[in-house]
Amino acid sequence: GPLPPQWRRDASAALDQYRHAWLRGESRIAEQAFERARSELASTGSA
């Protein structure tokens, strides 16, 4: 379909980075990526 909205694309990329970094033991990178993903998702107002 149409190109996904920017928040959806950014959240997707950040969650992927979070998962990879967390499992690799890269804590700082993981935390930063998670906060970016959470912020994008929170922008929708969807709990």
All heavy atoms as atom14 arrays in JSON, in Angstrom:
{
  "sequence": "GPLPPQWRRDASAALDQYRHAWLRGESRIAEQAFERARSELASTGSA",
  "atom14_mask": [
    [1, 1, 1, 1, 0, 0, 0, 0, 0, 0, 0, 0, 0, 0],
    [1, 1, 1, 1, 1, 1, 1, 0, 0, 0, 0, 0, 0, 0],
    [1, 1, 1, 1, 1, 1, 1, 1, 0, 0, 0, 0, 0, 0],
    [1, 1, 1, 1, 1, 1, 1, 0, 0, 0, 0, 0, 0, 0],
    [1, 1, 1, 1, 1, 1, 1, 0, 0, 0, 0, 0, 0, 0],
    [1, 1, 1, 1, 1, 1, 1, 1, 1, 0, 0, 0, 0, 0],
    [1, 1, 1, 1, 1, 1, 1, 1, 1, 1, 1, 1, 1, 1],
    [1, 1, 1, 1, 1, 1, 1, 1, 1, 1, 1, 0, 0, 0],
    [1, 1, 1, 1, 1, 1, 1, 1, 1, 1, 1, 0, 0, 0],
    [1, 1, 1, 1, 1, 1, 1, 1, 0, 0, 0, 0, 0, 0],
    [1, 1, 1, 1, 1, 0, 0, 0, 0, 0, 0, 0, 0, 0],
    [1, 1, 1, 1, 1, 1, 0, 0, 0, 0, 0, 0, 0, 0],
    [1, 1, 1, 1, 1, 0, 0, 0, 0, 0, 0, 0, 0, 0],
    [1, 1, 1, 1, 1, 0, 0, 0, 0, 0, 0, 0, 0, 0],
    [1, 1, 1, 1, 1, 1, 1, 1, 0, 0, 0, 0, 0, 0],
    [1, 1, 1, 1, 1, 1, 1, 1, 0, 0, 0, 0, 0, 0],
    [1, 1, 1, 1, 1, 1, 1, 1, 1, 0, 0, 0, 0, 0],
    [1, 1, 1, 1, 1, 1, 1, 1, 1, 1, 1, 1, 0, 0],
    [1, 1, 1, 1, 1, 1, 1, 1, 1, 1, 1, 0, 0, 0],
    [1, 1, 1, 1, 1, 1, 1, 1, 1, 1, 0, 0, 0, 0],
    [1, 1, 1, 1, 1, 0, 0, 0, 0, 0, 0, 0, 0, 0],
    [1, 1, 1, 1, 1, 1, 1, 1, 1, 1, 1, 1, 1, 1],
    [1, 1, 1, 1, 1, 1, 1, 1, 0, 0, 0, 0, 0, 0],
    [1, 1, 1, 1, 1, 1, 1, 1, 1, 1, 1, 0, 0, 0],
    [1, 1, 1, 1, 0, 0, 0, 0, 0, 0, 0, 0, 0, 0],
    [1, 1, 1, 1, 1, 1, 1, 1, 1, 0, 0, 0, 0, 0],
    [1, 1, 1, 1, 1, 1, 0, 0, 0, 0, 0, 0, 0, 0],
    [1, 1, 1, 1, 1, 1, 1, 1, 1, 1, 1, 0, 0, 0],
    [1, 1, 1, 1, 1, 1, 1, 1, 0, 0, 0, 0, 0, 0],
    [1, 1, 1, 1, 1, 0, 0, 0, 0, 0, 0, 0, 0, 0],
    [1, 1, 1, 1, 1, 1, 1, 1, 1, 0, 0, 0, 0, 0],
    [1, 1, 1, 1, 1, 1, 1, 1, 1, 0, 0, 0, 0, 0],
    [1, 1, 1, 1, 1, 0, 0, 0, 0, 0, 0, 0, 0, 0],
    [1, 1, 1, 1, 1, 1, 1, 1, 1, 1, 1, 0, 0, 0],
    [1, 1, 1, 1, 1, 1, 1, 1, 1, 0, 0, 0, 0, 0],
    [1, 1, 1, 1, 1, 1, 1, 1, 1, 1, 1, 0, 0, 0],
    [1, 1, 1, 1, 1, 0, 0, 0, 0, 0, 0, 0, 0, 0],
    [1, 1, 1, 1, 1, 1, 1, 1, 1, 1, 1, 0, 0, 0],
    [1, 1, 1, 1, 1, 1, 0, 0, 0, 0, 0, 0, 0, 0],
    [1, 1, 1, 1, 1, 1, 1, 1, 1, 0, 0, 0, 0, 0],
    [1, 1, 1, 1, 1, 1, 1, 1, 0, 0, 0, 0, 0, 0],
    [1, 1, 1, 1, 1, 0, 0, 0, 0, 0, 0, 0, 0, 0],
    [1, 1, 1, 1, 1, 1, 0, 0, 0, 0, 0, 0, 0, 0],
    [1, 1, 1, 1, 1, 1, 1, 0, 0, 0, 0, 0, 0, 0],
    [1, 1, 1, 1, 0, 0, 0, 0, 0, 0, 0, 0, 0, 0],
    [1, 1, 1, 1, 1, 1, 0, 0, 0, 0, 0, 0, 0, 0],
    [1, 1, 1, 1, 1, 0, 0, 0, 0, 0, 0, 0, 0, 0]
  ],
  "atom14_positions": [
    [[0.82, -1.19, 0.0], [0.0, 0.0, 0.0], [0.85, 1.24, 0.0], [2.02, 1.22, -0.39], [0.0, 0.0, 0.0], [0.0, 0.0, 0.0], [0.0, 0.0, 0.0], [0.0, 0.0, 0.0], [0.0, 0.0, 0.0], [0.0, 0.0, 0.0], [0.0, 0.0, 0.0], [0.0, 0.0, 0.0], [0.0, 0.0, 0.0], [0.0, 0.0, 0.0]],
    [[0.28, 2.35, 0.44], [1.03, 3.6, 0.5], [2.23, 3.47, 1.45], [2.27, 2.6, 2.31], [0.01, 4.6, 1.05], [-1.32, 3.97, 0.83], [-1.09, 2.49, 0.92], [0.0, 0.0, 0.0], [0.0, 0.0, 0.0], [0.0, 0.0, 0.0], [0.0, 0.0, 0.0], [0.0, 0.0, 0.0], [0.0, 0.0, 0.0], [0.0, 0.0, 0.0]],
    [[3.17, 4.37, 1.3], [4.34, 4.39, 2.17], [3.88, 4.56, 3.62], [3.04, 5.43, 3.91], [5.26, 5.54, 1.78], [6.62, 5.6, 2.48], [7.49, 4.43, 2.01], [7.31, 6.93, 2.16], [0.0, 0.0, 0.0], [0.0, 0.0, 0.0], [0.0, 0.0, 0.0], [0.0, 0.0, 0.0], [0.0, 0.0, 0.0], [0.0, 0.0, 0.0]],
    [[4.38, 3.72, 4.55], [3.96, 3.85, 5.94], [4.31, 5.23, 6.48], [5.26, 5.87, 6.03], [4.78, 2.77, 6.66], [5.18, 1.82, 5.59], [5.33, 2.63, 4.34], [0.0, 0.0, 0.0], [0.0, 0.0, 0.0], [0.0, 0.0, 0.0], [0.0, 0.0, 0.0], [0.0, 0.0, 0.0], [0.0, 0.0, 0.0], [0.0, 0.0, 0.0]],
    [[3.55, 5.72, 7.46], [3.87, 7.02, 8.05], [5.26, 7.0, 8.69], [5.76, 5.94, 9.08], [2.77, 7.23, 9.09], [2.21, 5.87, 9.35], [2.38, 5.1, 8.07], [0.0, 0.0, 0.0], [0.0, 0.0, 0.0], [0.0, 0.0, 0.0], [0.0, 0.0, 0.0], [0.0, 0.0, 0.0], [0.0, 0.0, 0.0], [0.0, 0.0, 0.0]],
    [[5.85, 8.16, 8.8], [7.23, 8.25, 9.28], [7.38, 7.66, 10.67], [8.37, 6.97, 10.95], [7.69, 9.71, 9.28], [9.18, 9.87, 9.55], [10.03, 9.31, 8.43], [9.75, 9.54, 7.25], [11.05, 8.54, 8.76], [0.0, 0.0, 0.0], [0.0, 0.0, 0.0], [0.0, 0.0, 0.0], [0.0, 0.0, 0.0], [0.0, 0.0, 0.0]],
    [[6.42, 7.88, 11.56], [6.55, 7.36, 12.92], [6.63, 5.84, 12.92], [7.38, 5.25, 13.7], [5.39, 7.83, 13.81], [4.06, 7.22, 13.5], [3.06, 7.74, 12.75], [3.57, 5.93, 13.93], [1.99, 6.89, 12.67], [2.28, 5.77, 13.39], [4.11, 4.9, 14.71], [1.5, 4.62, 13.61], [3.35, 3.76, 14.94], [2.06, 3.63, 14.39]],
    [[5.89, 5.23, 12.02], [5.87, 3.77, 11.97], [7.22, 3.24, 11.48], [7.77, 2.27, 12.01], [4.74, 3.29, 11.06], [4.47, 1.79, 11.14], [3.36, 1.39, 10.18], [2.08, 1.98, 10.5], [1.15, 1.4, 11.26], [1.37, 0.2, 11.78], [0.0, 2.0, 11.48], [0.0, 0.0, 0.0], [0.0, 0.0, 0.0], [0.0, 0.0, 0.0]],
    [[7.76, 3.88, 10.46], [9.06, 3.46, 9.93], [10.18, 3.68, 10.95], [11.04, 2.83, 11.14], [9.36, 4.21, 8.63], [8.55, 3.72, 7.44], [8.87, 4.53, 6.2], [8.16, 5.81, 6.21], [8.57, 6.9, 5.57], [9.7, 6.88, 4.88], [7.86, 8.0, 5.6], [0.0, 0.0, 0.0], [0.0, 0.0, 0.0], [0.0, 0.0, 0.0]],
    [[10.13, 4.83, 11.63], [11.18, 5.13, 12.61], [11.1, 4.19, 13.81], [12.13, 3.72, 14.32], [11.06, 6.58, 13.07], [11.45, 7.57, 11.98], [12.05, 7.15, 10.99], [11.15, 8.78, 12.14], [0.0, 0.0, 0.0], [0.0, 0.0, 0.0], [0.0, 0.0, 0.0], [0.0, 0.0, 0.0], [0.0, 0.0, 0.0], [0.0, 0.0, 0.0]],
    [[9.88, 3.91, 14.27], [9.72, 2.99, 15.4], [10.18, 1.6, 15.04], [10.84, 0.91, 15.83], [8.25, 2.96, 15.85], [0.0, 0.0, 0.0], [0.0, 0.0, 0.0], [0.0, 0.0, 0.0], [0.0, 0.0, 0.0], [0.0, 0.0, 0.0], [0.0, 0.0, 0.0], [0.0, 0.0, 0.0], [0.0, 0.0, 0.0], [0.0, 0.0, 0.0]],
    [[9.86, 1.16, 13.83], [10.27, -0.16, 13.37], [11.79, -0.28, 13.36], [12.36, -1.25, 13.87], [9.71, -0.4, 11.97], [10.24, -1.58, 11.41], [0.0, 0.0, 0.0], [0.0, 0.0, 0.0], [0.0, 0.0, 0.0], [0.0, 0.0, 0.0], [0.0, 0.0, 0.0], [0.0, 0.0, 0.0], [0.0, 0.0, 0.0], [0.0, 0.0, 0.0]],
    [[12.46, 0.71, 12.78], [13.92, 0.67, 12.7], [14.54, 0.7, 14.1], [15.51, -0.02, 14.38], [14.43, 1.84, 11.87], [0.0, 0.0, 0.0], [0.0, 0.0, 0.0], [0.0, 0.0, 0.0], [0.0, 0.0, 0.0], [0.0, 0.0, 0.0], [0.0, 0.0, 0.0], [0.0, 0.0, 0.0], [0.0, 0.0, 0.0], [0.0, 0.0, 0.0]],
    [[13.99, 1.52, 14.98], [14.55, 1.64, 16.32], [14.36, 0.36, 17.12], [15.26, -0.06, 17.87], [13.92, 2.83, 17.05], [0.0, 0.0, 0.0], [0.0, 0.0, 0.0], [0.0, 0.0, 0.0], [0.0, 0.0, 0.0], [0.0, 0.0, 0.0], [0.0, 0.0, 0.0], [0.0, 0.0, 0.0], [0.0, 0.0, 0.0], [0.0, 0.0, 0.0]],
    [[13.21, -0.29, 16.98], [12.98, -1.55, 17.69], [13.91, -2.65, 17.2], [14.38, -3.47, 17.97], [11.52, -1.97, 17.57], [10.54, -1.25, 18.49], [9.12, -1.61, 18.12], [10.81, -1.58, 19.96], [0.0, 0.0, 0.0], [0.0, 0.0, 0.0], [0.0, 0.0, 0.0], [0.0, 0.0, 0.0], [0.0, 0.0, 0.0], [0.0, 0.0, 0.0]],
    [[14.15, -2.67, 15.9], [15.09, -3.65, 15.37], [16.49, -3.41, 15.94], [17.19, -4.36, 16.31], [15.15, -3.56, 13.84], [14.12, -4.44, 13.16], [13.59, -5.35, 13.82], [13.84, -4.23, 11.97], [0.0, 0.0, 0.0], [0.0, 0.0, 0.0], [0.0, 0.0, 0.0], [0.0, 0.0, 0.0], [0.0, 0.0, 0.0], [0.0, 0.0, 0.0]],
    [[16.89, -2.14, 16.0], [18.21, -1.83, 16.55], [18.27, -2.18, 18.03], [19.27, -2.71, 18.51], [18.54, -0.36, 16.35], [19.95, 0.0, 16.81], [20.27, 1.46, 16.65], [19.38, 2.32, 16.65], [21.55, 1.78, 16.52], [0.0, 0.0, 0.0], [0.0, 0.0, 0.0], [0.0, 0.0, 0.0], [0.0, 0.0, 0.0], [0.0, 0.0, 0.0]],
    [[17.18, -1.9, 18.74], [17.13, -2.24, 20.16], [17.31, -3.74, 20.38], [18.13, -4.17, 21.19], [15.8, -1.8, 20.78], [15.55, -2.47, 22.1], [16.29, -2.11, 23.23], [14.63, -3.51, 22.22], [16.1, -2.76, 24.44], [14.43, -4.15, 23.42], [15.17, -3.77, 24.53], [15.0, -4.43, 25.72], [0.0, 0.0, 0.0], [0.0, 0.0, 0.0]],
    [[16.57, -4.54, 19.65], [16.64, -5.99, 19.83], [18.05, -6.51, 19.57], [18.6, -7.28, 20.36], [15.65, -6.7, 18.91], [15.67, -8.21, 19.04], [14.74, -8.89, 18.1], [15.0, -8.55, 16.72], [14.5, -9.24, 15.67], [13.74, -10.28, 15.87], [14.78, -8.87, 14.44], [0.0, 0.0, 0.0], [0.0, 0.0, 0.0], [0.0, 0.0, 0.0]],
    [[18.62, -6.06, 18.47], [19.97, -6.51, 18.11], [20.98, -6.11, 19.18], [21.79, -6.93, 19.64], [20.36, -5.92, 16.76], [21.76, -6.25, 16.34], [22.12, -7.48, 15.83], [22.91, -5.51, 16.38], [23.41, -7.49, 15.56], [23.92, -6.32, 15.89], [0.0, 0.0, 0.0], [0.0, 0.0, 0.0], [0.0, 0.0, 0.0], [0.0, 0.0, 0.0]],
    [[20.93, -4.84, 19.6], [21.92, -4.36, 20.57], [21.73, -5.02, 21.93], [22.72, -5.37, 22.6], [21.81, -2.84, 20.7], [0.0, 0.0, 0.0], [0.0, 0.0, 0.0], [0.0, 0.0, 0.0], [0.0, 0.0, 0.0], [0.0, 0.0, 0.0], [0.0, 0.0, 0.0], [0.0, 0.0, 0.0], [0.0, 0.0, 0.0], [0.0, 0.0, 0.0]],
    [[20.51, -5.21, 22.36], [20.27, -5.85, 23.65], [20.83, -7.26, 23.68], [21.56, -7.65, 24.62], [18.78, -5.87, 23.98], [18.49, -6.69, 25.22], [18.13, -7.99, 25.27], [18.61, -6.24, 26.56], [17.99, -8.4, 26.57], [18.28, -7.34, 27.39], [18.94, -5.03, 27.17], [18.28, -7.26, 28.78], [18.93, -4.95, 28.55], [18.61, -6.05, 29.34]],
    [[20.52, -8.05, 22.68], [20.98, -9.42, 22.66], [22.5, -9.51, 22.55], [23.12, -10.44, 23.07], [20.32, -10.18, 21.51], [18.8, -10.41, 21.67], [18.22, -10.97, 20.37], [18.49, -11.34, 22.84], [0.0, 0.0, 0.0], [0.0, 0.0, 0.0], [0.0, 0.0, 0.0], [0.0, 0.0, 0.0], [0.0, 0.0, 0.0], [0.0, 0.0, 0.0]],
    [[23.1, -8.54, 21.9], [24.55, -8.5, 21.78], [25.23, -7.99, 23.04], [26.45, -8.05, 23.16], [24.94, -7.61, 20.6], [24.52, -8.13, 19.25], [25.46, -9.16, 18.7], [26.77, -8.58, 18.38], [27.82, -9.3, 18.02], [27.74, -10.61, 17.97], [28.96, -8.71, 17.73], [0.0, 0.0, 0.0], [0.0, 0.0, 0.0], [0.0, 0.0, 0.0]],
    [[24.47, -7.49, 23.99], [25.05, -6.97, 25.22], [25.52, -5.54, 25.11], [26.32, -5.08, 25.94], [0.0, 0.0, 0.0], [0.0, 0.0, 0.0], [0.0, 0.0, 0.0], [0.0, 0.0, 0.0], [0.0, 0.0, 0.0], [0.0, 0.0, 0.0], [0.0, 0.0, 0.0], [0.0, 0.0, 0.0], [0.0, 0.0, 0.0], [0.0, 0.0, 0.0]],
    [[25.02, -4.8, 24.12], [25.42, -3.41, 23.91], [24.37, -2.52, 24.58], [23.47, -1.98, 23.94], [25.57, -3.15, 22.42], [26.66, -4.02, 21.79], [26.59, -4.08, 20.27], [25.64, -3.53, 19.68], [27.48, -4.72, 19.67], [0.0, 0.0, 0.0], [0.0, 0.0, 0.0], [0.0, 0.0, 0.0], [0.0, 0.0, 0.0], [0.0, 0.0, 0.0]],
    [[24.51, -2.35, 25.88], [23.45, -1.77, 26.7], [23.14, -0.32, 26.33], [21.97, 0.07, 26.25], [23.85, -1.84, 28.18], [24.05, -3.18, 28.56], [0.0, 0.0, 0.0], [0.0, 0.0, 0.0], [0.0, 0.0, 0.0], [0.0, 0.0, 0.0], [0.0, 0.0, 0.0], [0.0, 0.0, 0.0], [0.0, 0.0, 0.0], [0.0, 0.0, 0.0]],
    [[24.15, 0.51, 26.15], [23.91, 1.92, 25.88], [23.16, 2.1, 24.56], [22.19, 2.86, 24.48], [25.22, 2.69, 25.86], [25.08, 4.18, 25.59], [26.42, 4.88, 25.59], [27.3, 4.33, 24.57], [27.26, 4.69, 23.28], [26.38, 5.58, 22.87], [28.1, 4.17, 22.41], [0.0, 0.0, 0.0], [0.0, 0.0, 0.0], [0.0, 0.0, 0.0]],
    [[23.61, 1.41, 23.52], [22.96, 1.49, 22.22], [21.52, 1.0, 22.32], [20.59, 1.59, 21.76], [23.74, 0.69, 21.17], [25.12, 1.31, 20.97], [22.97, 0.62, 19.86], [26.03, 0.48, 20.08], [0.0, 0.0, 0.0], [0.0, 0.0, 0.0], [0.0, 0.0, 0.0], [0.0, 0.0, 0.0], [0.0, 0.0, 0.0], [0.0, 0.0, 0.0]],
    [[21.32, -0.09, 23.05], [19.98, -0.66, 23.2], [19.04, 0.32, 23.87], [17.9, 0.53, 23.42], [20.05, -1.96, 23.99], [0.0, 0.0, 0.0], [0.0, 0.0, 0.0], [0.0, 0.0, 0.0], [0.0, 0.0, 0.0], [0.0, 0.0, 0.0], [0.0, 0.0, 0.0], [0.0, 0.0, 0.0], [0.0, 0.0, 0.0], [0.0, 0.0, 0.0]],
    [[19.48, 0.94, 24.94], [18.61, 1.86, 25.68], [18.25, 3.07, 24.82], [17.09, 3.52, 24.81], [19.31, 2.32, 26.96], [18.42, 3.15, 27.88], [17.17, 2.43, 28.33], [17.2, 1.18, 28.45], [16.14, 3.11, 28.55], [0.0, 0.0, 0.0], [0.0, 0.0, 0.0], [0.0, 0.0, 0.0], [0.0, 0.0, 0.0], [0.0, 0.0, 0.0]],
    [[19.2, 3.61, 24.1], [18.93, 4.76, 23.24], [17.93, 4.38, 22.15], [17.01, 5.15, 21.84], [20.22, 5.27, 22.63], [21.16, 5.93, 23.63], [22.51, 6.27, 23.03], [22.87, 5.8, 21.94], [23.29, 7.09, 23.74], [0.0, 0.0, 0.0], [0.0, 0.0, 0.0], [0.0, 0.0, 0.0], [0.0, 0.0, 0.0], [0.0, 0.0, 0.0]],
    [[18.11, 3.21, 21.56], [17.2, 2.78, 20.49], [15.79, 2.55, 21.03], [14.8, 2.92, 20.39], [17.72, 1.5, 19.85], [0.0, 0.0, 0.0], [0.0, 0.0, 0.0], [0.0, 0.0, 0.0], [0.0, 0.0, 0.0], [0.0, 0.0, 0.0], [0.0, 0.0, 0.0], [0.0, 0.0, 0.0], [0.0, 0.0, 0.0], [0.0, 0.0, 0.0]],
    [[15.7, 1.97, 22.22], [14.37, 1.73, 22.78], [13.65, 3.05, 23.06], [12.45, 3.17, 22.78], [14.45, 0.91, 24.07], [13.09, 0.61, 24.63], [12.35, -0.44, 24.13], [12.54, 1.4, 25.63], [11.07, -0.7, 24.62], [11.27, 1.14, 26.12], [10.53, 0.09, 25.61], [0.0, 0.0, 0.0], [0.0, 0.0, 0.0], [0.0, 0.0, 0.0]],
    [[14.35, 4.01, 23.61], [13.71, 5.29, 23.91], [13.22, 5.97, 22.63], [12.17, 6.6, 22.63], [14.68, 6.19, 24.67], [14.95, 5.73, 26.1], [13.68, 5.55, 26.91], [12.76, 6.4, 26.77], [13.58, 4.57, 27.67], [0.0, 0.0, 0.0], [0.0, 0.0, 0.0], [0.0, 0.0, 0.0], [0.0, 0.0, 0.0], [0.0, 0.0, 0.0]],
    [[13.98, 5.85, 21.54], [13.52, 6.41, 20.27], [12.24, 5.72, 19.8], [11.28, 6.37, 19.37], [14.6, 6.27, 19.19], [15.78, 7.2, 19.38], [16.59, 7.32, 18.08], [17.03, 6.03, 17.56], [18.14, 5.41, 17.92], [18.93, 5.96, 18.84], [18.49, 4.25, 17.4], [0.0, 0.0, 0.0], [0.0, 0.0, 0.0], [0.0, 0.0, 0.0]],
    [[12.24, 4.39, 19.89], [11.05, 3.64, 19.47], [9.85, 4.0, 20.32], [8.75, 4.23, 19.8], [11.33, 2.14, 19.56], [0.0, 0.0, 0.0], [0.0, 0.0, 0.0], [0.0, 0.0, 0.0], [0.0, 0.0, 0.0], [0.0, 0.0, 0.0], [0.0, 0.0, 0.0], [0.0, 0.0, 0.0], [0.0, 0.0, 0.0], [0.0, 0.0, 0.0]],
    [[10.04, 4.05, 21.61], [8.92, 4.35, 22.51], [8.38, 5.75, 22.25], [7.16, 5.97, 22.27], [9.37, 4.22, 23.97], [8.2, 4.14, 24.96], [8.71, 4.13, 26.38], [7.67, 3.73, 27.33], [6.68, 4.52, 27.75], [6.6, 5.76, 27.28], [5.79, 4.08, 28.62], [0.0, 0.0, 0.0], [0.0, 0.0, 0.0], [0.0, 0.0, 0.0]],
    [[9.26, 6.69, 22.01], [8.83, 8.05, 21.73], [7.99, 8.12, 20.46], [6.95, 8.81, 20.42], [10.05, 8.97, 21.61], [9.67, 10.28, 21.25], [0.0, 0.0, 0.0], [0.0, 0.0, 0.0], [0.0, 0.0, 0.0], [0.0, 0.0, 0.0], [0.0, 0.0, 0.0], [0.0, 0.0, 0.0], [0.0, 0.0, 0.0], [0.0, 0.0, 0.0]],
    [[8.41, 7.42, 19.42], [7.65, 7.41, 18.17], [6.27, 6.79, 18.38], [5.26, 7.3, 17.88], [8.41, 6.65, 17.09], [9.68, 7.32, 16.61], [9.43, 8.64, 15.9], [8.29, 8.86, 15.42], [10.36, 9.45, 15.83], [0.0, 0.0, 0.0], [0.0, 0.0, 0.0], [0.0, 0.0, 0.0], [0.0, 0.0, 0.0], [0.0, 0.0, 0.0]],
    [[6.22, 5.69, 19.12], [4.93, 5.04, 19.37], [4.03, 5.89, 20.25], [2.82, 5.97, 20.05], [5.16, 3.66, 19.99], [5.89, 2.66, 19.09], [6.25, 1.41, 19.87], [5.04, 2.31, 17.87], [0.0, 0.0, 0.0], [0.0, 0.0, 0.0], [0.0, 0.0, 0.0], [0.0, 0.0, 0.0], [0.0, 0.0, 0.0], [0.0, 0.0, 0.0]],
    [[4.62, 6.55, 21.24], [3.84, 7.41, 22.13], [3.24, 8.59, 21.38], [2.2, 9.13, 21.79], [4.71, 7.89, 23.29], [0.0, 0.0, 0.0], [0.0, 0.0, 0.0], [0.0, 0.0, 0.0], [0.0, 0.0, 0.0], [0.0, 0.0, 0.0], [0.0, 0.0, 0.0], [0.0, 0.0, 0.0], [0.0, 0.0, 0.0], [0.0, 0.0, 0.0]],
    [[3.87, 8.99, 20.29], [3.36, 10.13, 19.52], [1.98, 9.87, 18.94], [1.27, 10.79, 18.55], [4.34, 10.51, 18.4], [4.31, 9.55, 17.35], [0.0, 0.0, 0.0], [0.0, 0.0, 0.0], [0.0, 0.0, 0.0], [0.0, 0.0, 0.0], [0.0, 0.0, 0.0], [0.0, 0.0, 0.0], [0.0, 0.0, 0.0], [0.0, 0.0, 0.0]],
    [[1.59, 8.58, 18.88], [0.27, 8.22, 18.36], [-0.82, 8.32, 19.43], [-2.0, 8.25, 19.11], [0.27, 6.79, 17.82], [0.42, 5.86, 18.91], [1.4, 6.58, 16.82], [0.0, 0.0, 0.0], [0.0, 0.0, 0.0], [0.0, 0.0, 0.0], [0.0, 0.0, 0.0], [0.0, 0.0, 0.0], [0.0, 0.0, 0.0], [0.0, 0.0, 0.0]],
    [[-0.4, 8.4, 20.69], [-1.38, 8.39, 21.77], [-1.99, 7.04, 22.02], [-3.0, 6.93, 22.75], [0.0, 0.0, 0.0], [0.0, 0.0, 0.0], [0.0, 0.0, 0.0], [0.0, 0.0, 0.0], [0.0, 0.0, 0.0], [0.0, 0.0, 0.0], [0.0, 0.0, 0.0], [0.0, 0.0, 0.0], [0.0, 0.0, 0.0], [0.0, 0.0, 0.0]],
    [[-1.41, 5.99, 21.47], [-1.95, 4.64, 21.61], [-1.24, 3.89, 22.74], [-0.07, 3.53, 22.59], [-1.81, 3.86, 20.3], [-2.11, 2.49, 20.5], [0.0, 0.0, 0.0], [0.0, 0.0, 0.0], [0.0, 0.0, 0.0], [0.0, 0.0, 0.0], [0.0, 0.0, 0.0], [0.0, 0.0, 0.0], [0.0, 0.0, 0.0], [0.0, 0.0, 0.0]],
    [[-1.95, 3.66, 23.83], [-1.37, 2.9, 24.93], [-1.03, 1.48, 24.5], [-0.05, 0.9, 24.96], [-2.34, 2.88, 26.12], [0.0, 0.0, 0.0], [0.0, 0.0, 0.0], [0.0, 0.0, 0.0], [0.0, 0.0, 0.0], [0.0, 0.0, 0.0], [0.0, 0.0, 0.0], [0.0, 0.0, 0.0], [0.0, 0.0, 0.0], [0.0, 0.0, 0.0]]
  ]
}
